[in-house]
């Protein structure tokens, strides 16, 4: 059975806008470490954080996050 995990384009969209992890963290009200762990798929953001990130980066949630099906 395939395992599903959440992928993201957070780093790509963040850097395209010239933002550091610290900048983005301040804009959405979380720590830099939270941004880092989301970017590296270590932490799955809450719905509220996902929406805030998308809004801040002028993207839709679907543009920012996607499902990866890993074959097991």
PDB file of N, CA and C in Angstrom:
ATOM      1  N   UNK A   1       0.833  -1.170   0.000  1.00  0.00           N
ATOM      2  CA  UNK A   1       0.000   0.000   0.000  1.00  0.00           C
ATOM      3  C   UNK A   1       0.887   1.246   0.000  1.00  0.00           C
ATOM      4  N   UNK A   2       0.527   2.239  -0.792  1.00  0.00           N
ATOM      5  CA  UNK A   2       1.307   3.468  -0.904  1.00  0.00           C
ATOM      6  C   UNK A   2       1.134   4.328   0.344  1.00  0.00           C
ATOM      7  N   UNK A   3       2.242   4.896   0.779  1.00  0.00           N
ATOM      8  CA  UNK A   3       2.209   5.822   1.905  1.00  0.00           C
ATOM      9  C   UNK A   3       2.089   7.240   1.358  1.00  0.00           C
ATOM     10  N   UNK A   4       1.275   8.057   1.990  1.00  0.00           N
ATOM     11  CA  UNK A   4       1.072   9.429   1.534  1.00  0.00           C
ATOM     12  C   UNK A   4       1.758  10.386   2.500  1.00  0.00           C
ATOM     13  N   UNK A   5       2.366  11.406   1.933  1.00  0.00           N
ATOM     14  CA  UNK A   5       2.954  12.458   2.749  1.00  0.00           C
ATOM     15  C   UNK A   5       2.755  13.797   2.056  1.00  0.00           C
ATOM     16  N   UNK A   6       2.948  14.851   2.792  1.00  0.00           N
ATOM     17  CA  UNK A   6       2.713  16.185   2.273  1.00  0.00           C
ATOM     18  C   UNK A   6       4.016  16.784   1.762  1.00  0.00           C
ATOM     19  N   UNK A   7       4.014  17.186   0.513  1.00  0.00           N
ATOM     20  CA  UNK A   7       5.146  17.901  -0.057  1.00  0.00           C
ATOM     21  C   UNK A   7       4.799  19.376  -0.135  1.00  0.00           C
ATOM     22  N   UNK A   8       5.803  20.208  -0.380  1.00  0.00           N
ATOM     23  CA  UNK A   8       5.524  21.641  -0.472  1.00  0.00           C
ATOM     24  C   UNK A   8       6.524  22.364  -1.361  1.00  0.00           C
ATOM     25  N   UNK A   9       6.124  23.532  -1.791  1.00  0.00           N
ATOM     26  CA  UNK A   9       6.972  24.416  -2.581  1.00  0.00           C
ATOM     27  C   UNK A   9       7.297  25.680  -1.776  1.00  0.00           C
ATOM     28  N   UNK A  10       7.309  25.542  -0.472  1.00  0.00           N
ATOM     29  CA  UNK A  10       7.473  26.685   0.416  1.00  0.00           C
ATOM     30  C   UNK A  10       8.804  27.408   0.168  1.00  0.00           C
ATOM     31  N   UNK A  11       9.900  26.673   0.152  1.00  0.00           N
ATOM     32  CA  UNK A  11      11.208  27.309  -0.052  1.00  0.00           C
ATOM     33  C   UNK A  11      11.266  28.008  -1.406  1.00  0.00           C
ATOM     34  N   UNK A  12      10.764  27.343  -2.432  1.00  0.00           N
ATOM     35  CA  UNK A  12      10.764  27.908  -3.788  1.00  0.00           C
ATOM     36  C   UNK A  12      10.003  29.234  -3.842  1.00  0.00           C
ATOM     37  N   UNK A  13       8.799  29.259  -3.287  1.00  0.00           N
ATOM     38  CA  UNK A  13       7.995  30.476  -3.317  1.00  0.00           C
ATOM     39  C   UNK A  13       8.553  31.544  -2.382  1.00  0.00           C
ATOM     40  N   UNK A  14       9.078  31.129  -1.245  1.00  0.00           N
ATOM     41  CA  UNK A  14       9.659  32.082  -0.293  1.00  0.00           C
ATOM     42  C   UNK A  14      10.872  32.782  -0.893  1.00  0.00           C
ATOM     43  N   UNK A  15      11.783  32.019  -1.468  1.00  0.00           N
ATOM     44  CA  UNK A  15      13.000  32.620  -2.023  1.00  0.00           C
ATOM     45  C   UNK A  15      12.706  33.446  -3.267  1.00  0.00           C
ATOM     46  N   UNK A  16      11.700  33.056  -4.040  1.00  0.00           N
ATOM     47  CA  UNK A  16      11.319  33.839  -5.217  1.00  0.00           C
ATOM     48  C   UNK A  16      10.857  35.243  -4.831  1.00  0.00           C
ATOM     49  N   UNK A  17      10.367  35.371  -3.612  1.00  0.00           N
ATOM     50  CA  UNK A  17       9.907  36.676  -3.125  1.00  0.00           C
ATOM     51  C   UNK A  17      10.971  37.385  -2.291  1.00  0.00           C
ATOM     52  N   UNK A  18      12.153  36.790  -2.240  1.00  0.00           N
ATOM     53  CA  UNK A  18      13.260  37.419  -1.522  1.00  0.00           C
ATOM     54  C   UNK A  18      13.130  37.383  -0.019  1.00  0.00           C
ATOM     55  N   UNK A  19      12.389  36.424   0.496  1.00  0.00           N
ATOM     56  CA  UNK A  19      12.180  36.311   1.942  1.00  0.00           C
ATOM     57  C   UNK A  19      13.087  35.246   2.543  1.00  0.00           C
ATOM     58  N   UNK A  20      13.614  35.535   3.714  1.00  0.00           N
ATOM     59  CA  UNK A  20      14.334  34.513   4.467  1.00  0.00           C
ATOM     60  C   UNK A  20      13.317  33.731   5.291  1.00  0.00           C
ATOM     61  N   UNK A  21      13.767  32.639   5.883  1.00  0.00           N
ATOM     62  CA  UNK A  21      12.885  31.898   6.783  1.00  0.00           C
ATOM     63  C   UNK A  21      12.455  32.785   7.942  1.00  0.00           C
ATOM     64  N   UNK A  22      13.357  33.594   8.435  1.00  0.00           N
ATOM     65  CA  UNK A  22      13.050  34.501   9.544  1.00  0.00           C
ATOM     66  C   UNK A  22      12.007  35.533   9.134  1.00  0.00           C
ATOM     67  N   UNK A  23      12.147  36.076   7.923  1.00  0.00           N
ATOM     68  CA  UNK A  23      11.169  37.050   7.419  1.00  0.00           C
ATOM     69  C   UNK A  23       9.777  36.437   7.356  1.00  0.00           C
ATOM     70  N   UNK A  24       9.692  35.267   6.737  1.00  0.00           N
ATOM     71  CA  UNK A  24       8.394  34.612   6.577  1.00  0.00           C
ATOM     72  C   UNK A  24       7.795  34.246   7.928  1.00  0.00           C
ATOM     73  N   UNK A  25       8.634  33.757   8.815  1.00  0.00           N
ATOM     74  CA  UNK A  25       8.166  33.398  10.160  1.00  0.00           C
ATOM     75  C   UNK A  25       7.529  34.602  10.853  1.00  0.00           C
ATOM     76  N   UNK A  26       8.180  35.757  10.755  1.00  0.00           N
ATOM     77  CA  UNK A  26       7.651  36.968  11.386  1.00  0.00           C
ATOM     78  C   UNK A  26       6.318  37.377  10.755  1.00  0.00           C
ATOM     79  N   UNK A  27       6.201  37.215   9.455  1.00  0.00           N
ATOM     80  CA  UNK A  27       4.971  37.604   8.762  1.00  0.00           C
ATOM     81  C   UNK A  27       3.772  36.743   9.150  1.00  0.00           C
ATOM     82  N   UNK A  28       4.014  35.471   9.448  1.00  0.00           N
ATOM     83  CA  UNK A  28       2.899  34.576   9.788  1.00  0.00           C
ATOM     84  C   UNK A  28       2.811  34.263  11.275  1.00  0.00           C
ATOM     85  N   UNK A  29       3.745  34.778  12.068  1.00  0.00           N
ATOM     86  CA  UNK A  29       3.653  34.631  13.519  1.00  0.00           C
ATOM     87  C   UNK A  29       4.105  33.299  14.085  1.00  0.00           C
ATOM     88  N   UNK A  30       5.129  32.709  13.476  1.00  0.00           N
ATOM     89  CA  UNK A  30       5.706  31.466  13.999  1.00  0.00           C
ATOM     90  C   UNK A  30       7.223  31.637  14.092  1.00  0.00           C
ATOM     91  N   UNK A  31       7.908  30.615  14.563  1.00  0.00           N
ATOM     92  CA  UNK A  31       9.369  30.690  14.662  1.00  0.00           C
ATOM     93  C   UNK A  31      10.017  30.312  13.326  1.00  0.00           C
ATOM     94  N   UNK A  32      11.276  30.710  13.182  1.00  0.00           N
ATOM     95  CA  UNK A  32      12.042  30.328  11.995  1.00  0.00           C
ATOM     96  C   UNK A  32      12.155  28.805  11.918  1.00  0.00           C
ATOM     97  N   UNK A  33      12.296  28.171  13.071  1.00  0.00           N
ATOM     98  CA  UNK A  33      12.410  26.707  13.107  1.00  0.00           C
ATOM     99  C   UNK A  33      11.146  26.047  12.557  1.00  0.00           C
ATOM    100  N   UNK A  34       9.980  26.623  12.841  1.00  0.00           N
ATOM    101  CA  UNK A  34       8.733  26.076  12.294  1.00  0.00           C
ATOM    102  C   UNK A  34       8.751  26.141  10.769  1.00  0.00           C
ATOM    103  N   UNK A  35       9.174  27.263  10.213  1.00  0.00           N
ATOM    104  CA  UNK A  35       9.259  27.392   8.757  1.00  0.00           C
ATOM    105  C   UNK A  35      10.227  26.357   8.207  1.00  0.00           C
ATOM    106  N   UNK A  36      11.374  26.188   8.864  1.00  0.00           N
ATOM    107  CA  UNK A  36      12.367  25.215   8.427  1.00  0.00           C
ATOM    108  C   UNK A  36      11.815  23.796   8.433  1.00  0.00           C
ATOM    109  N   UNK A  37      11.105  23.426   9.489  1.00  0.00           N
ATOM    110  CA  UNK A  37      10.599  22.056   9.572  1.00  0.00           C
ATOM    111  C   UNK A  37       9.464  21.808   8.571  1.00  0.00           C
ATOM    112  N   UNK A  38       8.685  22.835   8.275  1.00  0.00           N
ATOM    113  CA  UNK A  38       7.655  22.675   7.228  1.00  0.00           C
ATOM    114  C   UNK A  38       8.339  22.518   5.874  1.00  0.00           C
ATOM    115  N   UNK A  39       9.312  23.363   5.563  1.00  0.00           N
ATOM    116  CA  UNK A  39      10.028  23.285   4.287  1.00  0.00           C
ATOM    117  C   UNK A  39      10.648  21.915   4.070  1.00  0.00           C
ATOM    118  N   UNK A  40      11.144  21.312   5.148  1.00  0.00           N
ATOM    119  CA  UNK A  40      11.821  20.017   5.046  1.00  0.00           C
ATOM    120  C   UNK A  40      10.891  18.833   5.275  1.00  0.00           C
ATOM    121  N   UNK A  41       9.583  19.090   5.265  1.00  0.00           N
ATOM    122  CA  UNK A  41       8.554  18.056   5.415  1.00  0.00           C
ATOM    123  C   UNK A  41       8.697  17.249   6.706  1.00  0.00           C
ATOM    124  N   UNK A  42       9.245  17.884   7.735  1.00  0.00           N
ATOM    125  CA  UNK A  42       9.346  17.257   9.050  1.00  0.00           C
ATOM    126  C   UNK A  42       8.061  17.493   9.831  1.00  0.00           C
ATOM    127  N   UNK A  43       7.446  18.647   9.596  1.00  0.00           N
ATOM    128  CA  UNK A  43       6.254  19.071  10.316  1.00  0.00           C
ATOM    129  C   UNK A  43       5.153  19.389   9.322  1.00  0.00           C
ATOM    130  N   UNK A  44       3.960  18.862   9.559  1.00  0.00           N
ATOM    131  CA  UNK A  44       2.791  19.170   8.734  1.00  0.00           C
ATOM    132  C   UNK A  44       2.065  20.336   9.396  1.00  0.00           C
ATOM    133  N   UNK A  45       1.937  21.453   8.675  1.00  0.00           N
ATOM    134  CA  UNK A  45       1.330  22.629   9.296  1.00  0.00           C
ATOM    135  C   UNK A  45      -0.160  22.452   9.538  1.00  0.00           C
ATOM    136  N   UNK A  46      -0.662  23.192  10.514  1.00  0.00           N
ATOM    137  CA  UNK A  46      -2.103  23.226  10.744  1.00  0.00           C
ATOM    138  C   UNK A  46      -2.765  23.893   9.547  1.00  0.00           C
ATOM    139  N   UNK A  47      -4.055  23.739   9.448  1.00  0.00           N
ATOM    140  CA  UNK A  47      -4.804  24.393   8.371  1.00  0.00           C
ATOM    141  C   UNK A  47      -4.630  25.901   8.440  1.00  0.00           C
ATOM    142  N   UNK A  48      -4.687  26.463   9.636  1.00  0.00           N
ATOM    143  CA  UNK A  48      -4.522  27.910   9.796  1.00  0.00           C
ATOM    144  C   UNK A  48      -3.152  28.376   9.317  1.00  0.00           C
ATOM    145  N   UNK A  49      -2.105  27.634   9.662  1.00  0.00           N
ATOM    146  CA  UNK A  49      -0.768  28.017   9.229  1.00  0.00           C
ATOM    147  C   UNK A  49      -0.623  27.848   7.722  1.00  0.00           C
ATOM    148  N   UNK A  50      -1.159  26.772   7.165  1.00  0.00           N
ATOM    149  CA  UNK A  50      -1.095  26.567   5.714  1.00  0.00           C
ATOM    150  C   UNK A  50      -1.774  27.714   4.971  1.00  0.00           C
ATOM    151  N   UNK A  51      -2.925  28.127   5.460  1.00  0.00           N
ATOM    152  CA  UNK A  51      -3.645  29.248   4.831  1.00  0.00           C
ATOM    153  C   UNK A  51      -2.863  30.550   4.974  1.00  0.00           C
ATOM    154  N   UNK A  52      -2.286  30.793   6.142  1.00  0.00           N
ATOM    155  CA  UNK A  52      -1.504  32.015   6.358  1.00  0.00           C
ATOM    156  C   UNK A  52      -0.268  32.045   5.458  1.00  0.00           C
ATOM    157  N   UNK A  53       0.401  30.909   5.327  1.00  0.00           N
ATOM    158  CA  UNK A  53       1.571  30.835   4.448  1.00  0.00           C
ATOM    159  C   UNK A  53       1.183  31.105   2.997  1.00  0.00           C
ATOM    160  N   UNK A  54       0.121  30.470   2.556  1.00  0.00           N
ATOM    161  CA  UNK A  54      -0.331  30.668   1.175  1.00  0.00           C
ATOM    162  C   UNK A  54      -0.694  32.125   0.926  1.00  0.00           C
ATOM    163  N   UNK A  55      -1.444  32.716   1.823  1.00  0.00           N
ATOM    164  CA  UNK A  55      -1.857  34.121   1.663  1.00  0.00           C
ATOM    165  C   UNK A  55      -0.643  35.038   1.635  1.00  0.00           C
ATOM    166  N   UNK A  56       0.291  34.826   2.539  1.00  0.00           N
ATOM    167  CA  UNK A  56       1.485  35.661   2.617  1.00  0.00           C
ATOM    168  C   UNK A  56       2.340  35.541   1.359  1.00  0.00           C
ATOM    169  N   UNK A  57       2.372  34.351   0.766  1.00  0.00           N
ATOM    170  CA  UNK A  57       3.182  34.120  -0.434  1.00  0.00           C
ATOM    171  C   UNK A  57       2.385  34.320  -1.731  1.00  0.00           C
ATOM    172  N   UNK A  58       1.176  34.875  -1.602  1.00  0.00           N
ATOM    173  CA  UNK A  58       0.320  35.133  -2.775  1.00  0.00           C
ATOM    174  C   UNK A  58       0.113  33.878  -3.624  1.00  0.00           C
ATOM    175  N   UNK A  59      -0.185  32.785  -2.947  1.00  0.00           N
ATOM    176  CA  UNK A  59      -0.394  31.504  -3.611  1.00  0.00           C
ATOM    177  C   UNK A  59      -1.653  30.856  -3.040  1.00  0.00           C
ATOM    178  N   UNK A  60      -2.140  29.855  -3.725  1.00  0.00           N
ATOM    179  CA  UNK A  60      -3.218  29.056  -3.156  1.00  0.00           C
ATOM    180  C   UNK A  60      -2.583  27.945  -2.324  1.00  0.00           C
ATOM    181  N   UNK A  61      -3.367  27.362  -1.446  1.00  0.00           N
ATOM    182  CA  UNK A  61      -2.868  26.233  -0.663  1.00  0.00           C
ATOM    183  C   UNK A  61      -2.444  25.100  -1.607  1.00  0.00           C
ATOM    184  N   UNK A  62      -3.210  24.910  -2.688  1.00  0.00           N
ATOM    185  CA  UNK A  62      -2.901  23.846  -3.647  1.00  0.00           C
ATOM    186  C   UNK A  62      -1.594  24.107  -4.395  1.00  0.00           C
ATOM    187  N   UNK A  63      -1.239  25.378  -4.603  1.00  0.00           N
ATOM    188  CA  UNK A  63       0.039  25.703  -5.238  1.00  0.00           C
ATOM    189  C   UNK A  63       1.199  25.474  -4.276  1.00  0.00           C
ATOM    190  N   UNK A  64       0.951  25.655  -3.005  1.00  0.00           N
ATOM    191  CA  UNK A  64       1.996  25.556  -1.991  1.00  0.00           C
ATOM    192  C   UNK A  64       2.213  24.139  -1.490  1.00  0.00           C
ATOM    193  N   UNK A  65       1.129  23.384  -1.313  1.00  0.00           N
ATOM    194  CA  UNK A  65       1.215  22.033  -0.757  1.00  0.00           C
ATOM    195  C   UNK A  65       0.635  21.003  -1.724  1.00  0.00           C
ATOM    196  N   UNK A  66       1.193  19.792  -1.697  1.00  0.00           N
ATOM    197  CA  UNK A  66       0.719  18.714  -2.561  1.00  0.00           C
ATOM    198  C   UNK A  66       0.966  17.369  -1.878  1.00  0.00           C
ATOM    199  N   UNK A  67       0.240  16.366  -2.317  1.00  0.00           N
ATOM    200  CA  UNK A  67       0.367  15.017  -1.740  1.00  0.00           C
ATOM    201  C   UNK A  67       1.343  14.196  -2.574  1.00  0.00           C
ATOM    202  N   UNK A  68       2.232  13.510  -1.893  1.00  0.00           N
ATOM    203  CA  UNK A  68       3.181  12.595  -2.526  1.00  0.00           C
ATOM    204  C   UNK A  68       2.767  11.175  -2.147  1.00  0.00           C
ATOM    205  N   UNK A  69       2.575  10.326  -3.139  1.00  0.00           N
ATOM    206  CA  UNK A  69       2.279   8.916  -2.904  1.00  0.00           C
ATOM    207  C   UNK A  69       3.567   8.131  -3.054  1.00  0.00           C
ATOM    208  N   UNK A  70       4.059   7.581  -1.946  1.00  0.00           N
ATOM    209  CA  UNK A  70       5.254   6.753  -1.969  1.00  0.00           C
ATOM    210  C   UNK A  70       4.842   5.295  -2.076  1.00  0.00           C
ATOM    211  N   UNK A  71       5.380   4.600  -3.048  1.00  0.00           N
ATOM    212  CA  UNK A  71       5.077   3.167  -3.179  1.00  0.00           C
ATOM    213  C   UNK A  71       5.868   2.410  -2.137  1.00  0.00           C
ATOM    214  N   UNK A  72       5.172   1.535  -1.414  1.00  0.00           N
ATOM    215  CA  UNK A  72       5.834   0.747  -0.369  1.00  0.00           C
ATOM    216  C   UNK A  72       6.040  -0.670  -0.829  1.00  0.00           C
TER     217      UNK A  72
END
